[in-house]
Amino acid sequence: GIRARFSTLRAMGIKTVMVTGDNPLTAAAI
């Protein structure tokens, strides 16, 4: 359900940014 929640936040005009220690390739996929 996390994807749907992010869609809801996007509809509210809120930008979501994932912060991770992974490498860029892994981070982009997730």
PDB file of all heavy atoms in Angstrom:
ATOM      1  N   GLY A   1       0.778  -1.232   0.000  1.00  0.00           N
ATOM      2  CA  GLY A   1       0.000   0.000   0.000  1.00  0.00           C
ATOM      3  C   GLY A   1       0.809   1.283   0.000  1.00  0.00           C
ATOM      4  O   GLY A   1       0.240   2.373  -0.081  1.00  0.00           O
ATOM      5  N   ILE A   2       2.166   1.162   0.092  1.00  0.00           N
ATOM      6  CA  ILE A   2       2.967   2.385   0.195  1.00  0.00           C
ATOM      7  C   ILE A   2       2.934   3.177  -1.109  1.00  0.00           C
ATOM      8  O   ILE A   2       2.959   4.406  -1.100  1.00  0.00           O
ATOM      9  CB  ILE A   2       4.426   2.048   0.591  1.00  0.00           C
ATOM     10  CG1 ILE A   2       5.150   3.298   1.108  1.00  0.00           C
ATOM     11  CG2 ILE A   2       5.192   1.447  -0.572  1.00  0.00           C
ATOM     12  CD1 ILE A   2       4.721   3.739   2.455  1.00  0.00           C
ATOM     13  N   ARG A   3       2.832   2.490  -2.240  1.00  0.00           N
ATOM     14  CA  ARG A   3       2.780   3.195  -3.522  1.00  0.00           C
ATOM     15  C   ARG A   3       1.509   4.046  -3.621  1.00  0.00           C
ATOM     16  O   ARG A   3       1.544   5.187  -4.094  1.00  0.00           O
ATOM     17  CB  ARG A   3       2.844   2.188  -4.676  1.00  0.00           C
ATOM     18  CG  ARG A   3       2.999   2.844  -6.045  1.00  0.00           C
ATOM     19  CD  ARG A   3       3.056   1.813  -7.164  1.00  0.00           C
ATOM     20  NE  ARG A   3       3.293   2.462  -8.433  1.00  0.00           N
ATOM     21  CZ  ARG A   3       4.489   2.667  -8.960  1.00  0.00           C
ATOM     22  NH1 ARG A   3       5.589   2.269  -8.310  1.00  0.00           N
ATOM     23  NH2 ARG A   3       4.633   3.287 -10.109  1.00  0.00           N
ATOM     24  N   ALA A   4       0.397   3.491  -3.148  1.00  0.00           N
ATOM     25  CA  ALA A   4      -0.866   4.242  -3.177  1.00  0.00           C
ATOM     26  C   ALA A   4      -0.787   5.465  -2.269  1.00  0.00           C
ATOM     27  O   ALA A   4      -1.320   6.531  -2.582  1.00  0.00           O
ATOM     28  CB  ALA A   4      -2.019   3.339  -2.758  1.00  0.00           C
ATOM     29  N   ARG A   5      -0.099   5.323  -1.140  1.00  0.00           N
ATOM     30  CA  ARG A   5       0.032   6.455  -0.222  1.00  0.00           C
ATOM     31  C   ARG A   5       0.868   7.567  -0.854  1.00  0.00           C
ATOM     32  O   ARG A   5       0.580   8.747  -0.664  1.00  0.00           O
ATOM     33  CB  ARG A   5       0.666   5.996   1.094  1.00  0.00           C
ATOM     34  CG  ARG A   5      -0.146   4.939   1.817  1.00  0.00           C
ATOM     35  CD  ARG A   5       0.334   4.714   3.219  1.00  0.00           C
ATOM     36  NE  ARG A   5      -0.100   5.794   4.093  1.00  0.00           N
ATOM     37  CZ  ARG A   5       0.127   5.809   5.401  1.00  0.00           C
ATOM     38  NH1 ARG A   5       0.785   4.813   5.966  1.00  0.00           N
ATOM     39  NH2 ARG A   5      -0.295   6.800   6.142  1.00  0.00           N
ATOM     40  N   PHE A   6       1.888   7.173  -1.578  1.00  0.00           N
ATOM     41  CA  PHE A   6       2.703   8.193  -2.252  1.00  0.00           C
ATOM     42  C   PHE A   6       1.902   8.892  -3.351  1.00  0.00           C
ATOM     43  O   PHE A   6       2.075  10.086  -3.591  1.00  0.00           O
ATOM     44  CB  PHE A   6       3.971   7.562  -2.830  1.00  0.00           C
ATOM     45  CG  PHE A   6       4.974   7.148  -1.785  1.00  0.00           C
ATOM     46  CD1 PHE A   6       5.827   6.079  -1.993  1.00  0.00           C
ATOM     47  CD2 PHE A   6       5.056   7.827  -0.583  1.00  0.00           C
ATOM     48  CE1 PHE A   6       6.745   5.700  -1.028  1.00  0.00           C
ATOM     49  CE2 PHE A   6       5.966   7.454   0.398  1.00  0.00           C
ATOM     50  CZ  PHE A   6       6.813   6.381   0.168  1.00  0.00           C
ATOM     51  N   SER A   7       1.037   8.150  -4.003  1.00  0.00           N
ATOM     52  CA  SER A   7       0.168   8.763  -5.012  1.00  0.00           C
ATOM     53  C   SER A   7      -0.768   9.779  -4.358  1.00  0.00           C
ATOM     54  O   SER A   7      -1.028  10.854  -4.915  1.00  0.00           O
ATOM     55  CB  SER A   7      -0.644   7.685  -5.734  1.00  0.00           C
ATOM     56  OG  SER A   7       0.196   6.798  -6.444  1.00  0.00           O
ATOM     57  N   THR A   8      -1.256   9.433  -3.176  1.00  0.00           N
ATOM     58  CA  THR A   8      -2.121  10.344  -2.433  1.00  0.00           C
ATOM     59  C   THR A   8      -1.371  11.620  -2.072  1.00  0.00           C
ATOM     60  O   THR A   8      -1.886  12.733  -2.223  1.00  0.00           O
ATOM     61  CB  THR A   8      -2.641   9.666  -1.158  1.00  0.00           C
ATOM     62  OG1 THR A   8      -3.402   8.525  -1.527  1.00  0.00           O
ATOM     63  CG2 THR A   8      -3.512  10.618  -0.357  1.00  0.00           C
ATOM     64  N   LEU A   9      -0.135  11.461  -1.592  1.00  0.00           N
ATOM     65  CA  LEU A   9       0.679  12.625  -1.245  1.00  0.00           C
ATOM     66  C   LEU A   9       0.957  13.486  -2.470  1.00  0.00           C
ATOM     67  O   LEU A   9       0.966  14.717  -2.394  1.00  0.00           O
ATOM     68  CB  LEU A   9       1.993  12.170  -0.607  1.00  0.00           C
ATOM     69  CG  LEU A   9       1.876  11.540   0.785  1.00  0.00           C
ATOM     70  CD1 LEU A   9       3.201  10.918   1.204  1.00  0.00           C
ATOM     71  CD2 LEU A   9       1.449  12.582   1.799  1.00  0.00           C
ATOM     72  N   ARG A  10       1.180  12.837  -3.599  1.00  0.00           N
ATOM     73  CA  ARG A  10       1.440  13.584  -4.836  1.00  0.00           C
ATOM     74  C   ARG A  10       0.221  14.412  -5.218  1.00  0.00           C
ATOM     75  O   ARG A  10       0.351  15.556  -5.679  1.00  0.00           O
ATOM     76  CB  ARG A  10       1.806  12.605  -5.954  1.00  0.00           C
ATOM     77  CG  ARG A  10       2.410  13.264  -7.193  1.00  0.00           C
ATOM     78  CD  ARG A  10       2.881  12.216  -8.193  1.00  0.00           C
ATOM     79  NE  ARG A  10       3.897  11.361  -7.619  1.00  0.00           N
ATOM     80  CZ  ARG A  10       3.729  10.068  -7.332  1.00  0.00           C
ATOM     81  NH1 ARG A  10       2.559   9.475  -7.570  1.00  0.00           N
ATOM     82  NH2 ARG A  10       4.703   9.359  -6.800  1.00  0.00           N
ATOM     83  N   ALA A  11      -0.975  13.854  -5.004  1.00  0.00           N
ATOM     84  CA  ALA A  11      -2.210  14.589  -5.307  1.00  0.00           C
ATOM     85  C   ALA A  11      -2.363  15.797  -4.393  1.00  0.00           C
ATOM     86  O   ALA A  11      -3.031  16.772  -4.741  1.00  0.00           O
ATOM     87  CB  ALA A  11      -3.419  13.664  -5.158  1.00  0.00           C
ATOM     88  N   MET A  12      -1.734  15.751  -3.218  1.00  0.00           N
ATOM     89  CA  MET A  12      -1.783  16.863  -2.278  1.00  0.00           C
ATOM     90  C   MET A  12      -0.706  17.903  -2.575  1.00  0.00           C
ATOM     91  O   MET A  12      -0.601  18.906  -1.864  1.00  0.00           O
ATOM     92  CB  MET A  12      -1.595  16.338  -0.846  1.00  0.00           C
ATOM     93  CG  MET A  12      -2.705  15.438  -0.369  1.00  0.00           C
ATOM     94  SD  MET A  12      -2.204  14.376   1.026  1.00  0.00           S
ATOM     95  CE  MET A  12      -1.520  15.570   2.161  1.00  0.00           C
ATOM     96  N   GLY A  13       0.121  17.635  -3.581  1.00  0.00           N
ATOM     97  CA  GLY A  13       1.188  18.566  -3.913  1.00  0.00           C
ATOM     98  C   GLY A  13       2.447  18.357  -3.094  1.00  0.00           C
ATOM     99  O   GLY A  13       3.300  19.250  -3.017  1.00  0.00           O
ATOM    100  N   ILE A  14       2.594  17.181  -2.459  1.00  0.00           N
ATOM    101  CA  ILE A  14       3.762  16.890  -1.629  1.00  0.00           C
ATOM    102  C   ILE A  14       4.719  15.987  -2.399  1.00  0.00           C
ATOM    103  O   ILE A  14       4.331  14.939  -2.913  1.00  0.00           O
ATOM    104  CB  ILE A  14       3.342  16.215  -0.318  1.00  0.00           C
ATOM    105  CG1 ILE A  14       2.474  17.161   0.504  1.00  0.00           C
ATOM    106  CG2 ILE A  14       4.558  15.787   0.487  1.00  0.00           C
ATOM    107  CD1 ILE A  14       1.921  16.542   1.769  1.00  0.00           C
ATOM    108  N   LYS A  15       5.973  16.394  -2.458  1.00  0.00           N
ATOM    109  CA  LYS A  15       7.008  15.620  -3.141  1.00  0.00           C
ATOM    110  C   LYS A  15       7.649  14.657  -2.151  1.00  0.00           C
ATOM    111  O   LYS A  15       8.008  15.035  -1.039  1.00  0.00           O
ATOM    112  CB  LYS A  15       8.072  16.551  -3.719  1.00  0.00           C
ATOM    113  CG  LYS A  15       9.194  15.831  -4.456  1.00  0.00           C
ATOM    114  CD  LYS A  15      10.183  16.825  -5.056  1.00  0.00           C
ATOM    115  CE  LYS A  15      11.283  16.111  -5.836  1.00  0.00           C
ATOM    116  NZ  LYS A  15      12.229  17.069  -6.446  1.00  0.00           N
ATOM    117  N   THR A  16       7.781  13.381  -2.535  1.00  0.00           N
ATOM    118  CA  THR A  16       8.397  12.381  -1.670  1.00  0.00           C
ATOM    119  C   THR A  16       9.802  12.066  -2.176  1.00  0.00           C
ATOM    120  O   THR A  16      10.014  11.858  -3.372  1.00  0.00           O
ATOM    121  CB  THR A  16       7.556  11.093  -1.642  1.00  0.00           C
ATOM    122  OG1 THR A  16       7.291  10.659  -2.990  1.00  0.00           O
ATOM    123  CG2 THR A  16       6.237  11.336  -0.928  1.00  0.00           C
ATOM    124  N   VAL A  17      10.755  12.024  -1.240  1.00  0.00           N
ATOM    125  CA  VAL A  17      12.152  11.761  -1.573  1.00  0.00           C
ATOM    126  C   VAL A  17      12.648  10.623  -0.691  1.00  0.00           C
ATOM    127  O   VAL A  17      12.604  10.720   0.543  1.00  0.00           O
ATOM    128  CB  VAL A  17      13.029  13.008  -1.353  1.00  0.00           C
ATOM    129  CG1 VAL A  17      14.478  12.708  -1.736  1.00  0.00           C
ATOM    130  CG2 VAL A  17      12.506  14.187  -2.156  1.00  0.00           C
ATOM    131  N   MET A  18      13.083   9.542  -1.309  1.00  0.00           N
ATOM    132  CA  MET A  18      13.627   8.406  -0.564  1.00  0.00           C
ATOM    133  C   MET A  18      15.103   8.644  -0.276  1.00  0.00           C
ATOM    134  O   MET A  18      15.872   9.006  -1.173  1.00  0.00           O
ATOM    135  CB  MET A  18      13.461   7.117  -1.372  1.00  0.00           C
ATOM    136  CG  MET A  18      13.942   5.864  -0.668  1.00  0.00           C
ATOM    137  SD  MET A  18      13.838   4.381  -1.711  1.00  0.00           S
ATOM    138  CE  MET A  18      15.250   4.653  -2.810  1.00  0.00           C
ATOM    139  N   VAL A  19      15.500   8.429   0.968  1.00  0.00           N
ATOM    140  CA  VAL A  19      16.887   8.598   1.385  1.00  0.00           C
ATOM    141  C   VAL A  19      17.442   7.229   1.748  1.00  0.00           C
ATOM    142  O   VAL A  19      16.868   6.513   2.574  1.00  0.00           O
ATOM    143  CB  VAL A  19      16.990   9.551   2.593  1.00  0.00           C
ATOM    144  CG1 VAL A  19      18.440   9.697   3.031  1.00  0.00           C
ATOM    145  CG2 VAL A  19      16.408  10.909   2.248  1.00  0.00           C
ATOM    146  N   THR A  20      18.550   6.849   1.125  1.00  0.00           N
ATOM    147  CA  THR A  20      19.105   5.514   1.342  1.00  0.00           C
ATOM    148  C   THR A  20      20.619   5.527   1.190  1.00  0.00           C
ATOM    149  O   THR A  20      21.183   6.387   0.496  1.00  0.00           O
ATOM    150  CB  THR A  20      18.497   4.501   0.345  1.00  0.00           C
ATOM    151  OG1 THR A  20      19.120   3.224   0.526  1.00  0.00           O
ATOM    152  CG2 THR A  20      18.714   4.950  -1.094  1.00  0.00           C
ATOM    153  N   GLY A  21      21.261   4.585   1.838  1.00  0.00           N
ATOM    154  CA  GLY A  21      22.701   4.417   1.690  1.00  0.00           C
ATOM    155  C   GLY A  21      23.057   3.524   0.520  1.00  0.00           C
ATOM    156  O   GLY A  21      24.241   3.305   0.243  1.00  0.00           O
ATOM    157  N   ASP A  22      22.062   3.002  -0.194  1.00  0.00           N
ATOM    158  CA  ASP A  22      22.326   2.133  -1.346  1.00  0.00           C
ATOM    159  C   ASP A  22      23.013   2.899  -2.470  1.00  0.00           C
ATOM    160  O   ASP A  22      22.973   4.130  -2.533  1.00  0.00           O
ATOM    161  CB  ASP A  22      21.003   1.549  -1.873  1.00  0.00           C
ATOM    162  CG  ASP A  22      20.398   0.535  -0.915  1.00  0.00           C
ATOM    163  OD1 ASP A  22      21.157  -0.058  -0.133  1.00  0.00           O
ATOM    164  OD2 ASP A  22      19.170   0.356  -0.955  1.00  0.00           O
ATOM    165  N   ASN A  23      23.599   2.125  -3.381  1.00  0.00           N
ATOM    166  CA  ASN A  23      24.193   2.748  -4.569  1.00  0.00           C
ATOM    167  C   ASN A  23      23.080   3.282  -5.471  1.00  0.00           C
ATOM    168  O   ASN A  23      21.921   2.860  -5.362  1.00  0.00           O
ATOM    169  CB  ASN A  23      25.075   1.740  -5.315  1.00  0.00           C
ATOM    170  CG  ASN A  23      24.274   0.545  -5.822  1.00  0.00           C
ATOM    171  OD1 ASN A  23      23.473   0.665  -6.755  1.00  0.00           O
ATOM    172  ND2 ASN A  23      24.474  -0.607  -5.197  1.00  0.00           N
ATOM    173  N   PRO A  24      23.399   4.217  -6.366  1.00  0.00           N
ATOM    174  CA  PRO A  24      22.362   4.849  -7.205  1.00  0.00           C
ATOM    175  C   PRO A  24      21.541   3.856  -8.020  1.00  0.00           C
ATOM    176  O   PRO A  24      20.340   4.060  -8.216  1.00  0.00           O
ATOM    177  CB  PRO A  24      23.166   5.787  -8.106  1.00  0.00           C
ATOM    178  CG  PRO A  24      24.384   6.114  -7.308  1.00  0.00           C
ATOM    179  CD  PRO A  24      24.712   4.856  -6.560  1.00  0.00           C
ATOM    180  N   LEU A  25      22.174   2.790  -8.492  1.00  0.00           N
ATOM    181  CA  LEU A  25      21.461   1.816  -9.320  1.00  0.00           C
ATOM    182  C   LEU A  25      20.377   1.116  -8.507  1.00  0.00           C
ATOM    183  O   LEU A  25      19.218   1.010  -8.936  1.00  0.00           O
ATOM    184  CB  LEU A  25      22.457   0.794  -9.872  1.00  0.00           C
ATOM    185  CG  LEU A  25      21.967  -0.093 -11.024  1.00  0.00           C
ATOM    186  CD1 LEU A  25      21.655   0.741 -12.250  1.00  0.00           C
ATOM    187  CD2 LEU A  25      23.019  -1.152 -11.349  1.00  0.00           C
ATOM    188  N   THR A  26      20.752   0.645  -7.319  1.00  0.00           N
ATOM    189  CA  THR A  26      19.784  -0.022  -6.445  1.00  0.00           C
ATOM    190  C   THR A  26      18.699   0.950  -5.994  1.00  0.00           C
ATOM    191  O   THR A  26      17.507   0.625  -5.971  1.00  0.00           O
ATOM    192  CB  THR A  26      20.500  -0.617  -5.218  1.00  0.00           C
ATOM    193  OG1 THR A  26      21.478  -1.565  -5.661  1.00  0.00           O
ATOM    194  CG2 THR A  26      19.516  -1.299  -4.291  1.00  0.00           C
ATOM    195  N   ALA A  27      19.120   2.151  -5.620  1.00  0.00           N
ATOM    196  CA  ALA A  27      18.168   3.160  -5.149  1.00  0.00           C
ATOM    197  C   ALA A  27      17.143   3.494  -6.225  1.00  0.00           C
ATOM    198  O   ALA A  27      15.950   3.649  -5.939  1.00  0.00           O
ATOM    199  CB  ALA A  27      18.911   4.420  -4.718  1.00  0.00           C
ATOM    200  N   ALA A  28      17.590   3.611  -7.480  1.00  0.00           N
ATOM    201  CA  ALA A  28      16.683   3.953  -8.579  1.00  0.00           C
ATOM    202  C   ALA A  28      15.638   2.866  -8.780  1.00  0.00           C
ATOM    203  O   ALA A  28      14.457   3.160  -9.027  1.00  0.00           O
ATOM    204  CB  ALA A  28      17.479   4.166  -9.862  1.00  0.00           C
ATOM    205  N   ALA A  29      16.042   1.607  -8.651  1.00  0.00           N
ATOM    206  CA  ALA A  29      15.107   0.506  -8.848  1.00  0.00           C
ATOM    207  C   ALA A  29      14.040   0.487  -7.752  1.00  0.00           C
ATOM    208  O   ALA A  29      12.842   0.332  -8.025  1.00  0.00           O
ATOM    209  CB  ALA A  29      15.867  -0.820  -8.868  1.00  0.00           C
ATOM    210  N   ILE A  30      14.448   0.673  -6.502  1.00  0.00           N
ATOM    211  CA  ILE A  30      13.487   0.665  -5.392  1.00  0.00           C
ATOM    212  C   ILE A  30      12.566   1.881  -5.464  1.00  0.00           C
ATOM    213  O   ILE A  30      11.361   1.794  -5.216  1.00  0.00           O
ATOM    214  CB  ILE A  30      14.228   0.614  -4.046  1.00  0.00           C
ATOM    215  CG1 ILE A  30      14.991  -0.706  -3.930  1.00  0.00           C
ATOM    216  CG2 ILE A  30      13.257   0.773  -2.880  1.00  0.00           C
ATOM    217  CD1 ILE A  30      15.842  -0.824  -2.698  1.00  0.00           C
TER     218      ILE A  30
END
